[in-house]
Amino acid sequence: MFDFYRQLPDKSTFFLKNGYFDILAGTYSLRKQIEAGKTEEEIRETWKPDLEAFKEIRKKYLIYNDE
């Protein structure tokens, strides 16, 4: 998707104006990062703090070790 977006001459039509992409992604931040030209790796890096916090919270609910 990133390559397709970068090569698109009229980027205004890539994300529909009805906000459906934002709804599917759960937030507008992913769209903003793509529009800003961030790479997949850069975007994944922004997720790390929240993923680590989630993993810590979920530990007490796991029946089996997560290793």
N, C-alpha and C. Protein backbone atom coordinates (compact mmCIF):
# COMPACT_ATOMS: atom_id res chain seq x y z
N MET A 1 0.82 -1.18 0.00
CA MET A 1 0.00 0.00 0.00
C MET A 1 0.87 1.25 0.00
N PHE A 2 1.98 1.24 0.70
CA PHE A 2 2.82 2.42 0.79
C PHE A 2 3.36 2.82 -0.57
N ASP A 3 3.84 1.85 -1.34
CA ASP A 3 4.35 2.15 -2.68
C ASP A 3 3.25 2.68 -3.59
N PHE A 4 2.09 2.07 -3.51
CA PHE A 4 0.97 2.51 -4.32
C PHE A 4 0.62 3.96 -3.99
N TYR A 5 0.54 4.28 -2.70
CA TYR A 5 0.21 5.65 -2.29
C TYR A 5 1.26 6.64 -2.78
N ARG A 6 2.53 6.29 -2.65
CA ARG A 6 3.60 7.20 -3.08
C ARG A 6 3.57 7.47 -4.58
N GLN A 7 3.17 6.48 -5.37
CA GLN A 7 3.17 6.62 -6.82
C GLN A 7 1.89 7.27 -7.36
N LEU A 8 0.91 7.40 -6.54
CA LEU A 8 -0.37 7.94 -6.98
C LEU A 8 -0.24 9.44 -7.28
N PRO A 9 -0.57 9.88 -8.48
CA PRO A 9 -0.43 11.29 -8.81
C PRO A 9 -1.39 12.19 -8.03
N ASP A 10 -2.62 11.73 -7.82
CA ASP A 10 -3.61 12.51 -7.08
C ASP A 10 -3.91 11.79 -5.77
N LYS A 11 -3.14 12.10 -4.73
CA LYS A 11 -3.26 11.42 -3.46
C LYS A 11 -4.56 11.76 -2.72
N SER A 12 -5.22 12.81 -3.12
CA SER A 12 -6.45 13.22 -2.42
C SER A 12 -7.57 12.19 -2.57
N THR A 13 -7.48 11.32 -3.56
CA THR A 13 -8.53 10.32 -3.75
C THR A 13 -8.23 8.99 -3.08
N PHE A 14 -7.01 8.83 -2.54
CA PHE A 14 -6.62 7.55 -1.96
C PHE A 14 -7.45 7.23 -0.71
N PHE A 15 -7.54 8.17 0.20
CA PHE A 15 -8.34 7.99 1.41
C PHE A 15 -9.69 8.64 1.16
N LEU A 16 -10.71 7.82 1.22
CA LEU A 16 -12.05 8.35 0.96
C LEU A 16 -12.40 9.42 1.97
N LYS A 17 -13.14 10.38 1.53
CA LYS A 17 -13.49 11.51 2.38
C LYS A 17 -14.49 11.15 3.48
N ASN A 18 -15.07 9.96 3.42
CA ASN A 18 -16.04 9.57 4.44
C ASN A 18 -15.39 9.05 5.72
N GLY A 19 -14.07 8.98 5.76
CA GLY A 19 -13.36 8.57 6.96
C GLY A 19 -13.37 7.08 7.22
N TYR A 20 -13.73 6.28 6.23
CA TYR A 20 -13.83 4.84 6.42
C TYR A 20 -12.49 4.22 6.78
N PHE A 21 -11.41 4.69 6.18
CA PHE A 21 -10.08 4.18 6.51
C PHE A 21 -9.77 4.42 7.98
N ASP A 22 -10.09 5.61 8.47
CA ASP A 22 -9.84 5.93 9.87
C ASP A 22 -10.66 5.03 10.79
N ILE A 23 -11.87 4.72 10.41
CA ILE A 23 -12.71 3.83 11.21
C ILE A 23 -12.09 2.44 11.26
N LEU A 24 -11.67 1.92 10.12
CA LEU A 24 -11.06 0.60 10.08
C LEU A 24 -9.74 0.55 10.86
N ALA A 25 -8.97 1.61 10.78
CA ALA A 25 -7.69 1.66 11.49
C ALA A 25 -7.88 1.94 12.97
N GLY A 26 -9.03 2.48 13.34
CA GLY A 26 -9.29 2.78 14.74
C GLY A 26 -8.82 4.15 15.17
N THR A 27 -8.17 4.86 14.28
CA THR A 27 -7.65 6.19 14.59
C THR A 27 -7.25 6.88 13.28
N TYR A 28 -7.12 8.18 13.34
CA TYR A 28 -6.68 8.91 12.14
C TYR A 28 -5.15 8.96 12.05
N SER A 29 -4.44 8.56 13.11
CA SER A 29 -2.98 8.72 13.13
C SER A 29 -2.28 7.89 12.05
N LEU A 30 -2.79 6.70 11.75
CA LEU A 30 -2.16 5.89 10.70
C LEU A 30 -2.25 6.61 9.35
N ARG A 31 -3.41 7.16 9.04
CA ARG A 31 -3.57 7.90 7.78
C ARG A 31 -2.61 9.09 7.74
N LYS A 32 -2.52 9.81 8.84
CA LYS A 32 -1.64 10.98 8.90
C LYS A 32 -0.17 10.57 8.70
N GLN A 33 0.22 9.43 9.26
CA GLN A 33 1.60 8.97 9.10
C GLN A 33 1.88 8.59 7.65
N ILE A 34 0.94 7.92 7.01
CA ILE A 34 1.10 7.55 5.60
C ILE A 34 1.18 8.81 4.74
N GLU A 35 0.29 9.76 5.00
CA GLU A 35 0.30 11.01 4.24
C GLU A 35 1.61 11.77 4.45
N ALA A 36 2.20 11.64 5.62
CA ALA A 36 3.46 12.34 5.91
C ALA A 36 4.66 11.65 5.29
N GLY A 37 4.44 10.48 4.68
CA GLY A 37 5.53 9.79 4.00
C GLY A 37 6.35 8.87 4.89
N LYS A 38 5.82 8.55 6.08
CA LYS A 38 6.53 7.64 6.98
C LYS A 38 6.61 6.25 6.35
N THR A 39 7.70 5.55 6.64
CA THR A 39 7.84 4.18 6.15
C THR A 39 7.10 3.23 7.07
N GLU A 40 6.93 2.00 6.59
CA GLU A 40 6.26 0.99 7.42
C GLU A 40 7.03 0.79 8.73
N GLU A 41 8.33 0.76 8.66
CA GLU A 41 9.15 0.57 9.85
C GLU A 41 8.97 1.72 10.85
N GLU A 42 8.93 2.94 10.34
CA GLU A 42 8.73 4.10 11.22
C GLU A 42 7.37 4.05 11.90
N ILE A 43 6.36 3.64 11.16
CA ILE A 43 5.02 3.54 11.73
C ILE A 43 4.97 2.45 12.79
N ARG A 44 5.56 1.31 12.50
CA ARG A 44 5.60 0.21 13.48
C ARG A 44 6.31 0.63 14.76
N GLU A 45 7.34 1.43 14.64
CA GLU A 45 8.06 1.92 15.82
C GLU A 45 7.16 2.74 16.73
N THR A 46 6.24 3.49 16.14
CA THR A 46 5.34 4.32 16.97
C THR A 46 4.36 3.46 17.75
N TRP A 47 4.16 2.23 17.34
CA TRP A 47 3.23 1.32 18.03
C TRP A 47 3.87 0.64 19.23
N LYS A 48 5.19 0.57 19.28
CA LYS A 48 5.89 -0.22 20.29
C LYS A 48 5.52 0.11 21.74
N PRO A 49 5.49 1.38 22.14
CA PRO A 49 5.15 1.66 23.54
C PRO A 49 3.76 1.13 23.94
N ASP A 50 2.78 1.31 23.08
CA ASP A 50 1.44 0.82 23.39
C ASP A 50 1.38 -0.71 23.39
N LEU A 51 2.11 -1.34 22.49
CA LEU A 51 2.14 -2.80 22.45
C LEU A 51 2.79 -3.37 23.71
N GLU A 52 3.87 -2.75 24.15
CA GLU A 52 4.54 -3.21 25.37
C GLU A 52 3.63 -3.03 26.58
N ALA A 53 2.92 -1.91 26.66
CA ALA A 53 1.99 -1.69 27.77
C ALA A 53 0.87 -2.72 27.74
N PHE A 54 0.36 -3.03 26.56
CA PHE A 54 -0.69 -4.04 26.44
C PHE A 54 -0.19 -5.40 26.89
N LYS A 55 1.01 -5.77 26.47
CA LYS A 55 1.57 -7.07 26.85
C LYS A 55 1.73 -7.19 28.36
N GLU A 56 2.10 -6.09 28.99
CA GLU A 56 2.25 -6.09 30.45
C GLU A 56 0.90 -6.28 31.14
N ILE A 57 -0.11 -5.58 30.67
CA ILE A 57 -1.45 -5.69 31.26
C ILE A 57 -2.03 -7.08 31.07
N ARG A 58 -1.84 -7.66 29.90
CA ARG A 58 -2.47 -8.94 29.61
C ARG A 58 -1.83 -10.12 30.32
N LYS A 59 -0.61 -9.94 30.86
CA LYS A 59 0.08 -11.04 31.53
C LYS A 59 -0.78 -11.68 32.62
N LYS A 60 -1.50 -10.87 33.37
CA LYS A 60 -2.27 -11.42 34.48
C LYS A 60 -3.50 -12.21 34.02
N TYR A 61 -3.84 -12.12 32.75
CA TYR A 61 -5.00 -12.83 32.22
C TYR A 61 -4.63 -14.09 31.45
N LEU A 62 -3.34 -14.30 31.21
CA LEU A 62 -2.92 -15.46 30.43
C LEU A 62 -3.00 -16.74 31.27
N ILE A 63 -3.49 -17.78 30.66
CA ILE A 63 -3.55 -19.08 31.33
C ILE A 63 -2.19 -19.79 31.22
N TYR A 64 -1.54 -19.62 30.07
CA TYR A 64 -0.25 -20.26 29.80
C TYR A 64 0.81 -19.18 29.63
N ASN A 65 2.06 -19.55 29.83
CA ASN A 65 3.17 -18.62 29.59
C ASN A 65 3.19 -18.21 28.12
N ASP A 66 3.57 -16.99 27.89
CA ASP A 66 3.60 -16.44 26.53
C ASP A 66 5.01 -16.48 25.96
N GLU A 67 5.66 -17.61 26.07
CA GLU A 67 7.04 -17.69 25.58
C GLU A 67 7.22 -18.81 24.62
